[in-house]
Amino acid sequence: MSLQEQFDQAQADSKNLPERPDNMTLLKIYALFKQASSGDASGDRPGMTDFVGRAKFDAWDALKGTSQDEAKQQYIDLIEELK
């Protein structure tokens, strides 16, 4: 199975986890997904009043420089741990 196929399967699996991950883990899942699918964070950082958007952007931005393939593998590994 190719890396992209494994990534696609992990995406499907992430919707059927036995229990909801904590917020920090959800942020990590989000950031790895964005890095894997879009590359480095782009655009403006959300304002002070958008707490959720700001946390998501910061988590994604922290992965700057990580290759898309590496982010895909980390995403796959994380989802496997949570299953």
N, C-alpha and C. Protein backbone atom coordinates (compact mmCIF):
# COMPACT_ATOMS: atom_id res chain seq x y z
N MET A 1 0.84 -1.17 0.00
CA MET A 1 0.00 0.00 0.00
C MET A 1 0.89 1.24 0.00
N SER A 2 0.59 2.19 -0.86
CA SER A 2 1.41 3.41 -0.95
C SER A 2 1.17 4.31 0.26
N LEU A 3 2.08 5.26 0.45
CA LEU A 3 1.95 6.20 1.56
C LEU A 3 0.63 6.97 1.46
N GLN A 4 0.27 7.39 0.24
CA GLN A 4 -0.98 8.14 0.06
C GLN A 4 -2.18 7.27 0.40
N GLU A 5 -2.16 6.00 0.03
CA GLU A 5 -3.27 5.09 0.35
C GLU A 5 -3.37 4.88 1.86
N GLN A 6 -2.21 4.75 2.52
CA GLN A 6 -2.20 4.60 3.98
C GLN A 6 -2.75 5.87 4.65
N PHE A 7 -2.37 7.02 4.10
CA PHE A 7 -2.85 8.31 4.62
C PHE A 7 -4.36 8.42 4.46
N ASP A 8 -4.86 8.05 3.29
CA ASP A 8 -6.31 8.08 3.04
C ASP A 8 -7.04 7.14 4.00
N GLN A 9 -6.48 5.96 4.25
CA GLN A 9 -7.08 5.00 5.18
C GLN A 9 -7.07 5.56 6.60
N ALA A 10 -5.98 6.21 6.98
CA ALA A 10 -5.88 6.80 8.33
C ALA A 10 -6.93 7.90 8.50
N GLN A 11 -7.18 8.67 7.43
CA GLN A 11 -8.22 9.70 7.48
C GLN A 11 -9.57 9.06 7.78
N ALA A 12 -9.89 7.97 7.08
CA ALA A 12 -11.15 7.27 7.31
C ALA A 12 -11.20 6.71 8.73
N ASP A 13 -10.09 6.13 9.17
CA ASP A 13 -10.03 5.54 10.51
C ASP A 13 -10.19 6.61 11.60
N SER A 14 -9.72 7.82 11.33
CA SER A 14 -9.78 8.88 12.34
C SER A 14 -11.21 9.26 12.70
N LYS A 15 -12.15 8.97 11.82
CA LYS A 15 -13.55 9.28 12.07
C LYS A 15 -14.23 8.21 12.91
N ASN A 16 -13.56 7.08 13.12
CA ASN A 16 -14.16 5.95 13.85
C ASN A 16 -13.29 5.50 15.02
N LEU A 17 -12.65 6.43 15.69
CA LEU A 17 -11.81 6.08 16.84
C LEU A 17 -12.71 5.63 17.99
N PRO A 18 -12.21 4.71 18.83
CA PRO A 18 -13.03 4.21 19.93
C PRO A 18 -13.45 5.29 20.93
N GLU A 19 -12.60 6.29 21.14
CA GLU A 19 -12.97 7.41 22.01
C GLU A 19 -12.39 8.70 21.46
N ARG A 20 -13.01 9.82 21.84
CA ARG A 20 -12.56 11.13 21.36
C ARG A 20 -11.23 11.48 22.01
N PRO A 21 -10.22 11.81 21.20
CA PRO A 21 -8.91 12.21 21.77
C PRO A 21 -9.03 13.53 22.53
N ASP A 22 -8.08 13.78 23.42
CA ASP A 22 -8.07 15.05 24.14
C ASP A 22 -7.73 16.19 23.16
N ASN A 23 -7.93 17.41 23.62
CA ASN A 23 -7.76 18.58 22.74
C ASN A 23 -6.35 18.70 22.17
N MET A 24 -5.32 18.41 22.95
CA MET A 24 -3.95 18.52 22.45
C MET A 24 -3.70 17.50 21.34
N THR A 25 -4.25 16.30 21.50
CA THR A 25 -4.09 15.28 20.46
C THR A 25 -4.88 15.68 19.21
N LEU A 26 -6.06 16.24 19.40
CA LEU A 26 -6.84 16.70 18.25
C LEU A 26 -6.09 17.79 17.49
N LEU A 27 -5.43 18.69 18.22
CA LEU A 27 -4.64 19.73 17.56
C LEU A 27 -3.49 19.11 16.76
N LYS A 28 -2.86 18.10 17.33
CA LYS A 28 -1.75 17.43 16.63
C LYS A 28 -2.25 16.74 15.36
N ILE A 29 -3.41 16.07 15.47
CA ILE A 29 -4.01 15.42 14.29
C ILE A 29 -4.28 16.46 13.22
N TYR A 30 -4.90 17.57 13.62
CA TYR A 30 -5.22 18.65 12.67
C TYR A 30 -3.95 19.19 12.00
N ALA A 31 -2.95 19.49 12.82
CA ALA A 31 -1.71 20.08 12.29
C ALA A 31 -1.01 19.12 11.33
N LEU A 32 -0.93 17.85 11.69
CA LEU A 32 -0.28 16.87 10.80
C LEU A 32 -1.06 16.73 9.50
N PHE A 33 -2.39 16.73 9.58
CA PHE A 33 -3.21 16.63 8.37
C PHE A 33 -2.96 17.82 7.46
N LYS A 34 -2.99 19.03 8.04
CA LYS A 34 -2.78 20.24 7.23
C LYS A 34 -1.39 20.26 6.61
N GLN A 35 -0.37 19.87 7.39
CA GLN A 35 1.00 19.86 6.87
C GLN A 35 1.11 18.83 5.75
N ALA A 36 0.49 17.67 5.93
CA ALA A 36 0.57 16.60 4.93
C ALA A 36 -0.18 16.97 3.66
N SER A 37 -1.29 17.67 3.78
CA SER A 37 -2.09 17.96 2.60
C SER A 37 -1.79 19.30 1.96
N SER A 38 -1.32 20.28 2.75
CA SER A 38 -1.11 21.64 2.21
C SER A 38 0.31 22.15 2.31
N GLY A 39 1.17 21.48 3.06
CA GLY A 39 2.53 21.97 3.25
C GLY A 39 2.58 22.98 4.38
N ASP A 40 3.61 23.83 4.39
CA ASP A 40 3.80 24.80 5.46
C ASP A 40 2.62 25.75 5.59
N ALA A 41 2.39 26.19 6.83
CA ALA A 41 1.29 27.11 7.13
C ALA A 41 1.43 28.38 6.29
N SER A 42 0.30 28.86 5.82
CA SER A 42 0.30 30.09 5.02
C SER A 42 -0.86 30.96 5.48
N GLY A 43 -0.83 32.20 5.08
CA GLY A 43 -1.89 33.12 5.46
C GLY A 43 -1.57 33.80 6.78
N ASP A 44 -2.49 34.66 7.20
CA ASP A 44 -2.30 35.41 8.43
C ASP A 44 -2.75 34.60 9.64
N ARG A 45 -2.07 34.82 10.74
CA ARG A 45 -2.45 34.17 12.00
C ARG A 45 -3.77 34.80 12.47
N PRO A 46 -4.75 33.98 12.87
CA PRO A 46 -6.02 34.53 13.34
C PRO A 46 -5.84 35.47 14.53
N GLY A 47 -6.79 36.37 14.70
CA GLY A 47 -6.71 37.38 15.74
C GLY A 47 -6.88 36.82 17.15
N MET A 48 -6.67 37.69 18.14
CA MET A 48 -6.71 37.31 19.55
C MET A 48 -8.06 36.73 19.97
N THR A 49 -9.14 37.15 19.35
CA THR A 49 -10.47 36.69 19.77
C THR A 49 -10.83 35.32 19.18
N ASP A 50 -10.10 34.87 18.21
CA ASP A 50 -10.36 33.55 17.60
C ASP A 50 -9.42 32.52 18.22
N PHE A 51 -9.78 32.09 19.44
CA PHE A 51 -8.90 31.20 20.21
C PHE A 51 -8.65 29.87 19.50
N VAL A 52 -9.72 29.28 18.98
CA VAL A 52 -9.60 27.97 18.33
C VAL A 52 -8.79 28.08 17.04
N GLY A 53 -9.13 29.06 16.22
CA GLY A 53 -8.40 29.27 14.96
C GLY A 53 -6.93 29.55 15.20
N ARG A 54 -6.66 30.32 16.23
CA ARG A 54 -5.27 30.67 16.57
C ARG A 54 -4.49 29.44 17.03
N ALA A 55 -5.13 28.60 17.87
CA ALA A 55 -4.48 27.38 18.35
C ALA A 55 -4.20 26.43 17.19
N LYS A 56 -5.16 26.30 16.28
CA LYS A 56 -4.97 25.43 15.11
C LYS A 56 -3.83 25.94 14.24
N PHE A 57 -3.83 27.25 13.98
CA PHE A 57 -2.77 27.82 13.14
C PHE A 57 -1.41 27.63 13.79
N ASP A 58 -1.31 27.88 15.10
CA ASP A 58 -0.03 27.74 15.80
C ASP A 58 0.47 26.30 15.77
N ALA A 59 -0.45 25.34 15.93
CA ALA A 59 -0.06 23.93 15.90
C ALA A 59 0.47 23.57 14.51
N TRP A 60 -0.21 24.05 13.47
CA TRP A 60 0.21 23.78 12.09
C TRP A 60 1.54 24.48 11.81
N ASP A 61 1.66 25.73 12.23
CA ASP A 61 2.88 26.50 11.97
C ASP A 61 4.10 25.89 12.67
N ALA A 62 3.87 25.21 13.79
CA ALA A 62 4.98 24.57 14.52
C ALA A 62 5.62 23.45 13.70
N LEU A 63 4.92 22.95 12.69
CA LEU A 63 5.45 21.88 11.84
C LEU A 63 6.17 22.40 10.60
N LYS A 64 6.35 23.71 10.52
CA LYS A 64 7.00 24.31 9.36
C LYS A 64 8.34 23.62 9.07
N GLY A 65 8.55 23.26 7.83
CA GLY A 65 9.79 22.60 7.44
C GLY A 65 9.68 21.08 7.39
N THR A 66 8.60 20.53 7.96
CA THR A 66 8.37 19.08 7.90
C THR A 66 7.87 18.75 6.50
N SER A 67 8.46 17.75 5.87
CA SER A 67 8.01 17.39 4.52
C SER A 67 6.59 16.82 4.58
N GLN A 68 5.88 16.91 3.46
CA GLN A 68 4.52 16.39 3.41
C GLN A 68 4.51 14.88 3.63
N ASP A 69 5.49 14.17 3.08
CA ASP A 69 5.55 12.72 3.28
C ASP A 69 5.81 12.37 4.74
N GLU A 70 6.69 13.12 5.40
CA GLU A 70 6.97 12.88 6.82
C GLU A 70 5.73 13.15 7.66
N ALA A 71 5.01 14.23 7.34
CA ALA A 71 3.78 14.55 8.06
C ALA A 71 2.72 13.46 7.86
N LYS A 72 2.64 12.93 6.63
CA LYS A 72 1.69 11.84 6.37
C LYS A 72 2.02 10.62 7.23
N GLN A 73 3.32 10.28 7.31
CA GLN A 73 3.72 9.11 8.10
C GLN A 73 3.43 9.34 9.58
N GLN A 74 3.70 10.52 10.09
CA GLN A 74 3.41 10.83 11.49
C GLN A 74 1.91 10.76 11.77
N TYR A 75 1.11 11.25 10.81
CA TYR A 75 -0.35 11.21 10.94
C TYR A 75 -0.83 9.76 10.99
N ILE A 76 -0.32 8.93 10.08
CA ILE A 76 -0.69 7.51 10.05
C ILE A 76 -0.34 6.85 11.37
N ASP A 77 0.89 7.09 11.86
CA ASP A 77 1.34 6.49 13.12
C ASP A 77 0.47 6.92 14.29
N LEU A 78 0.11 8.20 14.34
CA LEU A 78 -0.70 8.70 15.44
C LEU A 78 -2.09 8.06 15.44
N ILE A 79 -2.71 7.98 14.28
CA ILE A 79 -4.05 7.39 14.19
C ILE A 79 -3.99 5.91 14.58
N GLU A 80 -2.92 5.22 14.16
CA GLU A 80 -2.76 3.81 14.54
C GLU A 80 -2.67 3.65 16.06
N GLU A 81 -1.96 4.57 16.73
CA GLU A 81 -1.83 4.53 18.19
C GLU A 81 -3.18 4.71 18.87
N LEU A 82 -4.03 5.53 18.27
CA LEU A 82 -5.33 5.87 18.89
C LEU A 82 -6.40 4.82 18.64
N LYS A 83 -6.16 3.92 17.69
CA LYS A 83 -7.17 2.91 17.36
C LYS A 83 -7.27 1.84 18.43
